[in-house]
């Protein structure tokens, strides 16, 4: 084996990055290594996968709400309930997408314990990137693996 091929085989793989974008005061790029900066939560979940039946996993990571709140969504404080018009779009490396409402994750409304998981079954997701985990979902369709982007969008017109 040539020296360059040997070196390539041992080269460190850069951790997967997630772009936090949209209507945020503090857009950012984060990795799984950044996720311990927020309080950690664990979820034992069972969800149905159409291709492989029922899956059981244990995920750990921060709440999606906490990570996005730190990015400071551009809510208009002068408009009553402005945050209710915001949507969260999550994109995975494999092209899968999920859409959530801000109110679904907000503790003042739905309080859904949506995780931005850093581990699955005690295995770190550093190289793959974090996974969206919705413990309340019976179907696993919104479990987005290898998240590459999360966009917060308040593009819907504010109600007056």
N, C-alpha and C. Protein backbone atom coordinates (compact mmCIF):
# COMPACT_ATOMS: atom_id res chain seq x y z
N UNK A 1 0.85 -1.18 0.00
CA UNK A 1 0.00 0.00 0.00
C UNK A 1 0.90 1.24 0.00
N UNK A 2 0.55 2.22 -0.78
CA UNK A 2 1.37 3.43 -0.83
C UNK A 2 1.23 4.21 0.45
N UNK A 3 2.21 5.06 0.71
CA UNK A 3 2.22 5.85 1.93
C UNK A 3 1.01 6.80 1.96
N UNK A 4 0.64 7.38 0.82
CA UNK A 4 -0.50 8.30 0.80
C UNK A 4 -1.81 7.58 1.08
N UNK A 5 -1.97 6.35 0.59
CA UNK A 5 -3.18 5.57 0.88
C UNK A 5 -3.22 5.18 2.35
N UNK A 6 -2.09 4.82 2.92
CA UNK A 6 -2.05 4.47 4.35
C UNK A 6 -2.42 5.67 5.19
N UNK A 7 -1.90 6.82 4.83
CA UNK A 7 -2.21 8.04 5.58
C UNK A 7 -3.68 8.38 5.46
N UNK A 8 -4.25 8.19 4.26
CA UNK A 8 -5.67 8.49 4.07
C UNK A 8 -6.54 7.56 4.90
N UNK A 9 -6.12 6.32 5.07
CA UNK A 9 -6.90 5.36 5.84
C UNK A 9 -6.92 5.67 7.32
N UNK A 10 -5.92 6.40 7.80
CA UNK A 10 -5.87 6.72 9.23
C UNK A 10 -6.25 8.16 9.51
N UNK A 11 -6.55 8.92 8.48
CA UNK A 11 -6.91 10.33 8.68
C UNK A 11 -8.20 10.42 9.48
N UNK A 12 -8.23 11.40 10.37
CA UNK A 12 -9.42 11.61 11.18
C UNK A 12 -10.56 12.12 10.31
N UNK A 13 -11.74 11.61 10.55
CA UNK A 13 -12.93 12.06 9.84
C UNK A 13 -13.51 13.23 10.63
N UNK A 14 -13.77 14.32 9.93
CA UNK A 14 -14.33 15.49 10.60
C UNK A 14 -15.73 15.17 11.12
N UNK A 15 -16.06 15.68 12.30
CA UNK A 15 -17.41 15.43 12.82
C UNK A 15 -18.47 16.11 11.95
N UNK A 16 -19.62 15.51 11.88
CA UNK A 16 -20.72 16.07 11.10
C UNK A 16 -21.18 17.38 11.73
N UNK A 17 -21.47 18.35 10.88
CA UNK A 17 -21.93 19.66 11.33
C UNK A 17 -23.41 19.84 11.04
N UNK A 18 -24.06 20.56 11.94
CA UNK A 18 -25.46 20.94 11.75
C UNK A 18 -25.50 22.45 11.62
N UNK A 19 -26.14 22.92 10.57
CA UNK A 19 -26.30 24.35 10.37
C UNK A 19 -27.63 24.76 11.00
N UNK A 20 -27.57 25.69 11.96
CA UNK A 20 -28.77 26.29 12.55
C UNK A 20 -28.98 27.62 11.82
N UNK A 21 -30.08 27.75 11.11
CA UNK A 21 -30.28 28.93 10.26
C UNK A 21 -31.73 29.38 10.32
N UNK A 22 -31.99 30.46 9.60
CA UNK A 22 -33.35 30.98 9.50
C UNK A 22 -33.51 32.25 10.29
N UNK A 23 -34.68 32.41 10.87
CA UNK A 23 -35.01 33.61 11.62
C UNK A 23 -34.44 33.51 13.04
N UNK A 24 -33.11 33.60 13.11
CA UNK A 24 -32.38 33.46 14.37
C UNK A 24 -31.44 34.65 14.54
N UNK A 25 -31.33 35.16 15.76
CA UNK A 25 -30.36 36.22 16.05
C UNK A 25 -28.95 35.66 16.09
N UNK A 26 -28.82 34.36 16.43
CA UNK A 26 -27.51 33.73 16.55
C UNK A 26 -27.45 32.44 15.75
N UNK A 27 -27.47 32.53 14.41
CA UNK A 27 -27.30 31.30 13.62
C UNK A 27 -25.95 30.69 13.96
N UNK A 28 -25.83 29.38 13.77
CA UNK A 28 -24.60 28.71 14.19
C UNK A 28 -24.38 27.43 13.41
N UNK A 29 -23.20 26.89 13.59
CA UNK A 29 -22.85 25.54 13.14
C UNK A 29 -22.46 24.79 14.40
N UNK A 30 -23.08 23.63 14.62
CA UNK A 30 -22.78 22.84 15.81
C UNK A 30 -22.47 21.40 15.42
N UNK A 31 -21.79 20.71 16.32
CA UNK A 31 -21.50 19.29 16.15
C UNK A 31 -22.04 18.55 17.37
N UNK A 32 -22.01 17.24 17.32
CA UNK A 32 -22.43 16.44 18.47
C UNK A 32 -21.59 16.80 19.70
N UNK A 33 -20.32 17.12 19.51
CA UNK A 33 -19.45 17.49 20.63
C UNK A 33 -19.91 18.76 21.33
N UNK A 34 -20.69 19.60 20.67
CA UNK A 34 -21.21 20.83 21.27
C UNK A 34 -22.45 20.58 22.14
N UNK A 35 -23.14 19.47 21.92
CA UNK A 35 -24.43 19.23 22.56
C UNK A 35 -24.39 19.10 24.09
N UNK A 36 -23.29 18.65 24.70
CA UNK A 36 -23.28 18.62 26.18
C UNK A 36 -23.34 19.99 26.84
N UNK A 37 -23.27 21.07 26.07
CA UNK A 37 -23.38 22.43 26.63
C UNK A 37 -24.78 22.69 27.19
N UNK A 38 -25.76 21.91 26.77
CA UNK A 38 -27.13 22.05 27.25
C UNK A 38 -27.46 20.90 28.19
N UNK A 39 -28.47 21.09 29.05
CA UNK A 39 -28.88 19.97 29.92
C UNK A 39 -29.22 18.74 29.09
N UNK A 40 -28.78 17.58 29.59
CA UNK A 40 -28.97 16.32 28.88
C UNK A 40 -30.22 15.60 29.37
N UNK A 41 -30.86 14.93 28.44
CA UNK A 41 -32.07 14.15 28.73
C UNK A 41 -31.91 12.77 28.09
N UNK A 42 -32.59 11.80 28.65
CA UNK A 42 -32.58 10.45 28.10
C UNK A 42 -34.00 10.05 27.75
N UNK A 43 -34.13 9.26 26.72
CA UNK A 43 -35.45 8.76 26.30
C UNK A 43 -35.32 7.31 25.87
N UNK A 44 -36.10 6.44 26.53
CA UNK A 44 -36.25 5.04 26.11
C UNK A 44 -37.45 5.05 25.18
N UNK A 45 -37.25 4.71 23.93
CA UNK A 45 -38.33 4.82 22.96
C UNK A 45 -38.60 3.51 22.24
N UNK A 46 -39.83 3.39 21.81
CA UNK A 46 -40.26 2.31 20.92
C UNK A 46 -41.05 2.99 19.82
N UNK A 47 -40.68 2.72 18.59
CA UNK A 47 -41.40 3.30 17.47
C UNK A 47 -41.46 2.27 16.36
N UNK A 48 -42.49 2.44 15.54
CA UNK A 48 -42.70 1.49 14.45
C UNK A 48 -42.05 2.03 13.18
N UNK A 49 -41.28 1.17 12.55
CA UNK A 49 -40.61 1.49 11.30
C UNK A 49 -41.26 0.64 10.22
N UNK A 50 -41.75 1.26 9.17
CA UNK A 50 -42.47 0.50 8.14
C UNK A 50 -41.60 -0.57 7.50
N UNK A 51 -40.30 -0.35 7.43
CA UNK A 51 -39.41 -1.30 6.77
C UNK A 51 -38.94 -2.43 7.68
N UNK A 52 -38.85 -2.17 8.99
CA UNK A 52 -38.25 -3.18 9.87
C UNK A 52 -39.01 -3.43 11.17
N UNK A 53 -40.25 -2.99 11.25
CA UNK A 53 -41.06 -3.28 12.44
C UNK A 53 -40.76 -2.37 13.61
N UNK A 54 -41.04 -2.87 14.80
CA UNK A 54 -40.88 -2.06 16.01
C UNK A 54 -39.41 -2.01 16.41
N UNK A 55 -38.94 -0.80 16.69
CA UNK A 55 -37.56 -0.56 17.12
C UNK A 55 -37.57 -0.06 18.56
N UNK A 56 -36.58 -0.47 19.33
CA UNK A 56 -36.40 -0.02 20.72
C UNK A 56 -35.00 0.55 20.84
N UNK A 57 -34.91 1.78 21.33
CA UNK A 57 -33.61 2.44 21.49
C UNK A 57 -33.62 3.33 22.71
N UNK A 58 -32.42 3.66 23.16
CA UNK A 58 -32.22 4.65 24.21
C UNK A 58 -31.38 5.77 23.62
N UNK A 59 -31.93 6.98 23.64
CA UNK A 59 -31.26 8.16 23.12
C UNK A 59 -30.93 9.11 24.26
N UNK A 60 -29.84 9.85 24.12
CA UNK A 60 -29.52 10.92 25.06
C UNK A 60 -29.10 12.16 24.27
N UNK A 61 -29.39 13.31 24.84
CA UNK A 61 -29.01 14.58 24.23
C UNK A 61 -29.87 15.70 24.80
N UNK A 62 -29.64 16.92 24.35
CA UNK A 62 -30.44 18.04 24.83
C UNK A 62 -31.79 18.11 24.13
N UNK A 63 -32.68 18.86 24.72
CA UNK A 63 -33.96 19.13 24.06
C UNK A 63 -33.72 20.05 22.87
N UNK A 64 -34.37 19.78 21.77
CA UNK A 64 -34.28 20.63 20.60
C UNK A 64 -34.66 22.06 20.97
N UNK A 65 -35.68 22.21 21.79
CA UNK A 65 -36.13 23.53 22.23
C UNK A 65 -34.98 24.32 22.87
N UNK A 66 -34.22 23.69 23.75
CA UNK A 66 -33.12 24.39 24.44
C UNK A 66 -32.05 24.86 23.46
N UNK A 67 -31.70 24.01 22.52
CA UNK A 67 -30.67 24.36 21.53
C UNK A 67 -31.14 25.53 20.67
N UNK A 68 -32.38 25.45 20.21
CA UNK A 68 -32.89 26.52 19.35
C UNK A 68 -33.16 27.81 20.12
N UNK A 69 -33.60 27.71 21.36
CA UNK A 69 -33.81 28.92 22.17
C UNK A 69 -32.49 29.68 22.36
N UNK A 70 -31.39 28.95 22.49
CA UNK A 70 -30.08 29.59 22.63
C UNK A 70 -29.67 30.33 21.36
N UNK A 71 -30.22 29.93 20.22
CA UNK A 71 -29.94 30.61 18.95
C UNK A 71 -30.82 31.85 18.78
N UNK A 72 -31.69 32.09 19.72
CA UNK A 72 -32.54 33.28 19.80
C UNK A 72 -33.42 33.51 18.57
N UNK A 73 -34.49 32.71 18.46
CA UNK A 73 -35.43 32.94 17.37
C UNK A 73 -35.95 34.39 17.39
N UNK A 74 -36.21 34.92 16.23
CA UNK A 74 -36.59 36.33 16.07
C UNK A 74 -38.08 36.54 16.33
N UNK A 75 -38.50 36.22 17.54
CA UNK A 75 -39.89 36.47 17.91
C UNK A 75 -40.08 37.98 18.10
N UNK A 76 -41.22 38.48 17.69
CA UNK A 76 -41.55 39.89 17.86
C UNK A 76 -42.28 40.03 19.19
N UNK A 77 -41.60 40.58 20.18
CA UNK A 77 -42.17 40.71 21.53
C UNK A 77 -43.40 41.62 21.54
N UNK A 78 -43.51 42.51 20.55
CA UNK A 78 -44.65 43.41 20.50
C UNK A 78 -45.92 42.71 20.00
N UNK A 79 -45.76 41.55 19.39
CA UNK A 79 -46.92 40.81 18.88
C UNK A 79 -47.26 39.67 19.81
N UNK A 80 -48.45 39.69 20.30
CA UNK A 80 -48.92 38.65 21.21
C UNK A 80 -48.86 37.29 20.51
N UNK A 81 -48.26 36.33 21.15
CA UNK A 81 -48.18 34.95 20.66
C UNK A 81 -47.42 34.82 19.34
N UNK A 82 -46.49 35.71 19.06
CA UNK A 82 -45.77 35.68 17.78
C UNK A 82 -45.07 34.34 17.55
N UNK A 83 -44.57 33.74 18.61
CA UNK A 83 -43.81 32.49 18.45
C UNK A 83 -44.66 31.35 17.90
N UNK A 84 -45.98 31.48 17.95
CA UNK A 84 -46.85 30.41 17.46
C UNK A 84 -46.84 30.28 15.94
N UNK A 85 -46.31 31.27 15.24
CA UNK A 85 -46.27 31.20 13.77
C UNK A 85 -44.97 30.59 13.26
N UNK A 86 -44.05 30.24 14.13
CA UNK A 86 -42.74 29.73 13.72
C UNK A 86 -42.76 28.22 13.50
N UNK A 87 -42.04 27.81 12.46
CA UNK A 87 -41.88 26.40 12.12
C UNK A 87 -40.42 26.01 12.22
N UNK A 88 -40.17 24.73 12.45
CA UNK A 88 -38.82 24.18 12.55
C UNK A 88 -38.71 23.09 11.48
N UNK A 89 -37.81 23.29 10.53
CA UNK A 89 -37.57 22.31 9.46
C UNK A 89 -36.24 21.62 9.73
N UNK A 90 -36.26 20.29 9.77
CA UNK A 90 -35.06 19.50 10.06
C UNK A 90 -34.73 18.67 8.83
N UNK A 91 -33.46 18.69 8.42
CA UNK A 91 -33.01 17.96 7.23
C UNK A 91 -31.91 17.00 7.61
N UNK A 92 -32.01 15.76 7.11
CA UNK A 92 -30.99 14.75 7.36
C UNK A 92 -30.09 14.57 6.15
N UNK A 93 -28.94 13.97 6.39
CA UNK A 93 -27.96 13.74 5.33
C UNK A 93 -28.51 12.84 4.23
N UNK A 94 -29.48 12.00 4.56
CA UNK A 94 -30.06 11.09 3.57
C UNK A 94 -31.22 11.71 2.80
N UNK A 95 -31.48 13.00 3.02
CA UNK A 95 -32.55 13.69 2.31
C UNK A 95 -33.89 13.68 3.02
N UNK A 96 -34.01 12.97 4.14
CA UNK A 96 -35.27 12.98 4.88
C UNK A 96 -35.46 14.34 5.55
N UNK A 97 -36.72 14.73 5.68
CA UNK A 97 -37.08 16.02 6.28
C UNK A 97 -38.21 15.80 7.28
N UNK A 98 -38.26 16.68 8.27
CA UNK A 98 -39.39 16.71 9.19
C UNK A 98 -39.70 18.17 9.49
N UNK A 99 -40.96 18.44 9.74
CA UNK A 99 -41.41 19.79 10.04
C UNK A 99 -42.16 19.75 11.36
N UNK A 100 -41.78 20.66 12.26
CA UNK A 100 -42.44 20.76 13.56
C UNK A 100 -42.87 22.21 13.75
N UNK A 101 -43.84 22.43 14.59
CA UNK A 101 -44.18 23.80 14.95
C UNK A 101 -43.39 24.17 16.20
N UNK A 102 -43.08 25.45 16.34
CA UNK A 102 -42.39 25.90 17.55
C UNK A 102 -43.23 25.56 18.77
N UNK A 103 -44.54 25.76 18.68
CA UNK A 103 -45.43 25.51 19.82
C UNK A 103 -45.39 24.05 20.26
N UNK A 104 -45.14 23.14 19.34
CA UNK A 104 -45.06 21.71 19.68
C UNK A 104 -43.94 21.46 20.70
N UNK A 105 -42.85 22.19 20.59
CA UNK A 105 -41.69 21.98 21.47
C UNK A 105 -41.65 22.93 22.66
N UNK A 106 -42.34 24.03 22.58
CA UNK A 106 -42.30 25.09 23.60
C UNK A 106 -42.94 24.62 24.90
N UNK A 107 -42.25 24.79 26.04
CA UNK A 107 -42.79 24.37 27.33
C UNK A 107 -44.11 25.06 27.71
N UNK A 108 -44.39 26.23 27.13
CA UNK A 108 -45.65 26.92 27.42
C UNK A 108 -46.83 26.35 26.63
N UNK A 109 -46.54 25.47 25.68
CA UNK A 109 -47.60 24.93 24.84
C UNK A 109 -47.54 23.40 24.83
N UNK A 110 -47.03 22.79 23.77
CA UNK A 110 -47.02 21.34 23.64
C UNK A 110 -46.03 20.62 24.55
N UNK A 111 -44.93 21.28 24.85
CA UNK A 111 -43.90 20.73 25.73
C UNK A 111 -43.42 19.33 25.30
N UNK A 112 -43.44 19.05 24.02
CA UNK A 112 -42.99 17.74 23.54
C UNK A 112 -41.49 17.61 23.82
N UNK A 113 -41.06 16.49 24.39
CA UNK A 113 -39.65 16.30 24.75
C UNK A 113 -38.80 15.87 23.56
N UNK A 114 -38.78 16.71 22.53
CA UNK A 114 -38.05 16.40 21.30
C UNK A 114 -36.55 16.53 21.58
N UNK A 115 -35.81 15.46 21.29
CA UNK A 115 -34.37 15.46 21.55
C UNK A 115 -33.57 15.72 20.29
N UNK A 116 -32.44 16.34 20.48
CA UNK A 116 -31.39 16.41 19.47
C UNK A 116 -30.34 15.44 20.00
N UNK A 117 -30.52 14.17 19.67
CA UNK A 117 -29.76 13.09 20.31
C UNK A 117 -28.29 13.08 19.90
N UNK A 118 -27.44 12.91 20.91
CA UNK A 118 -25.99 12.80 20.72
C UNK A 118 -25.55 11.34 20.79
N UNK A 119 -26.40 10.47 21.37
CA UNK A 119 -26.08 9.04 21.43
C UNK A 119 -27.33 8.22 21.13
N UNK A 120 -27.08 7.02 20.63
CA UNK A 120 -28.13 6.02 20.45
C UNK A 120 -27.58 4.73 21.07
N UNK A 121 -28.31 4.20 22.02
CA UNK A 121 -27.91 2.96 22.70
C UNK A 121 -26.46 3.06 23.20
N UNK A 122 -26.13 4.19 23.81
CA UNK A 122 -24.81 4.47 24.40
C UNK A 122 -23.71 4.70 23.36
N UNK A 123 -24.03 4.68 22.08
CA UNK A 123 -23.04 4.89 21.02
C UNK A 123 -23.09 6.35 20.57
N UNK A 124 -21.97 7.07 20.64
CA UNK A 124 -21.96 8.47 20.21
C UNK A 124 -22.25 8.60 18.72
N UNK A 125 -22.92 9.67 18.37
CA UNK A 125 -23.28 9.94 16.98
C UNK A 125 -22.36 10.99 16.35
N UNK A 126 -21.14 11.11 16.87
CA UNK A 126 -20.20 12.15 16.41
C UNK A 126 -20.04 12.20 14.90
N UNK A 127 -19.76 11.07 14.28
CA UNK A 127 -19.49 11.05 12.84
C UNK A 127 -20.76 11.17 12.01
N UNK A 128 -21.83 10.56 12.46
CA UNK A 128 -23.09 10.59 11.70
C UNK A 128 -23.82 11.91 11.85
N UNK A 129 -23.66 12.54 13.01
CA UNK A 129 -24.41 13.75 13.33
C UNK A 129 -25.59 13.40 14.22
N UNK A 130 -26.14 14.40 14.88
CA UNK A 130 -27.24 14.15 15.82
C UNK A 130 -28.49 13.61 15.12
N UNK A 131 -29.37 13.07 15.94
CA UNK A 131 -30.62 12.52 15.42
C UNK A 131 -31.79 13.21 16.10
N UNK A 132 -32.80 13.53 15.32
CA UNK A 132 -34.04 14.07 15.86
C UNK A 132 -34.83 12.91 16.44
N UNK A 133 -35.26 13.04 17.69
CA UNK A 133 -35.99 11.98 18.38
C UNK A 133 -37.27 12.57 18.96
N UNK A 134 -38.40 11.97 18.59
CA UNK A 134 -39.70 12.41 19.06
C UNK A 134 -40.34 11.26 19.84
N UNK A 135 -40.03 11.15 21.13
CA UNK A 135 -40.50 10.01 21.93
C UNK A 135 -42.01 9.82 21.91
N UNK A 136 -42.75 10.87 21.63
CA UNK A 136 -44.21 10.79 21.62
C UNK A 136 -44.77 10.20 20.34
N UNK A 137 -43.94 10.05 19.30
CA UNK A 137 -44.41 9.52 18.01
C UNK A 137 -44.43 7.99 18.03
N UNK A 138 -45.52 7.40 17.59
CA UNK A 138 -45.62 5.95 17.47
C UNK A 138 -44.87 5.46 16.24
N UNK A 139 -44.88 6.27 15.19
CA UNK A 139 -44.20 5.95 13.94
C UNK A 139 -42.84 6.66 13.93
N UNK A 140 -41.83 6.02 13.38
CA UNK A 140 -40.48 6.59 13.38
C UNK A 140 -40.18 7.51 12.22
N UNK A 141 -41.17 7.92 11.47
CA UNK A 141 -40.93 8.71 10.26
C UNK A 141 -40.27 10.06 10.53
N UNK A 142 -40.51 10.66 11.70
CA UNK A 142 -39.89 11.96 11.99
C UNK A 142 -38.57 11.82 12.75
N UNK A 143 -38.07 10.61 12.93
CA UNK A 143 -36.76 10.40 13.53
C UNK A 143 -35.74 10.63 12.41
N UNK A 144 -35.16 11.81 12.37
CA UNK A 144 -34.24 12.17 11.29
C UNK A 144 -32.80 11.90 11.75
N UNK A 145 -32.11 11.02 11.03
CA UNK A 145 -30.73 10.67 11.34
C UNK A 145 -29.77 11.58 10.61
N UNK A 146 -28.59 11.76 11.19
CA UNK A 146 -27.55 12.53 10.53
C UNK A 146 -28.01 13.91 10.14
N UNK A 147 -28.55 14.66 11.10
CA UNK A 147 -29.08 15.99 10.81
C UNK A 147 -27.97 16.88 10.24
N UNK A 148 -28.28 17.55 9.14
CA UNK A 148 -27.34 18.48 8.53
C UNK A 148 -27.79 19.93 8.68
N UNK A 149 -29.10 20.15 8.83
CA UNK A 149 -29.61 21.52 8.94
C UNK A 149 -30.89 21.56 9.74
N UNK A 150 -31.02 22.63 10.50
CA UNK A 150 -32.27 22.94 11.21
C UNK A 150 -32.57 24.40 10.91
N UNK A 151 -33.73 24.62 10.35
CA UNK A 151 -34.12 25.99 9.97
C UNK A 151 -35.35 26.39 10.77
N UNK A 152 -35.26 27.54 11.41
CA UNK A 152 -36.40 28.12 12.15
C UNK A 152 -36.96 29.22 11.26
N UNK A 153 -38.25 29.12 10.96
CA UNK A 153 -38.85 30.04 10.01
C UNK A 153 -40.13 30.63 10.55
N UNK A 154 -40.15 31.94 10.66
CA UNK A 154 -41.35 32.65 11.07
C UNK A 154 -41.99 33.34 9.89
N UNK A 155 -41.84 32.76 8.71
CA UNK A 155 -42.28 33.36 7.46
C UNK A 155 -43.78 33.50 7.30
N UNK A 156 -44.53 32.80 8.11
CA UNK A 156 -45.98 32.95 8.00
C UNK A 156 -46.37 34.32 8.53
N UNK A 157 -47.35 34.95 7.90
CA UNK A 157 -47.69 36.30 8.33
C UNK A 157 -48.15 36.33 9.78
N UNK A 158 -47.74 37.38 10.47
CA UNK A 158 -48.19 37.55 11.85
C UNK A 158 -49.67 37.93 11.83
N UNK A 159 -50.41 37.33 12.70
CA UNK A 159 -51.83 37.65 12.80
C UNK A 159 -51.99 38.91 13.60
N UNK A 160 -52.95 39.69 13.21
CA UNK A 160 -53.17 40.95 13.95
C UNK A 160 -54.48 40.89 14.68
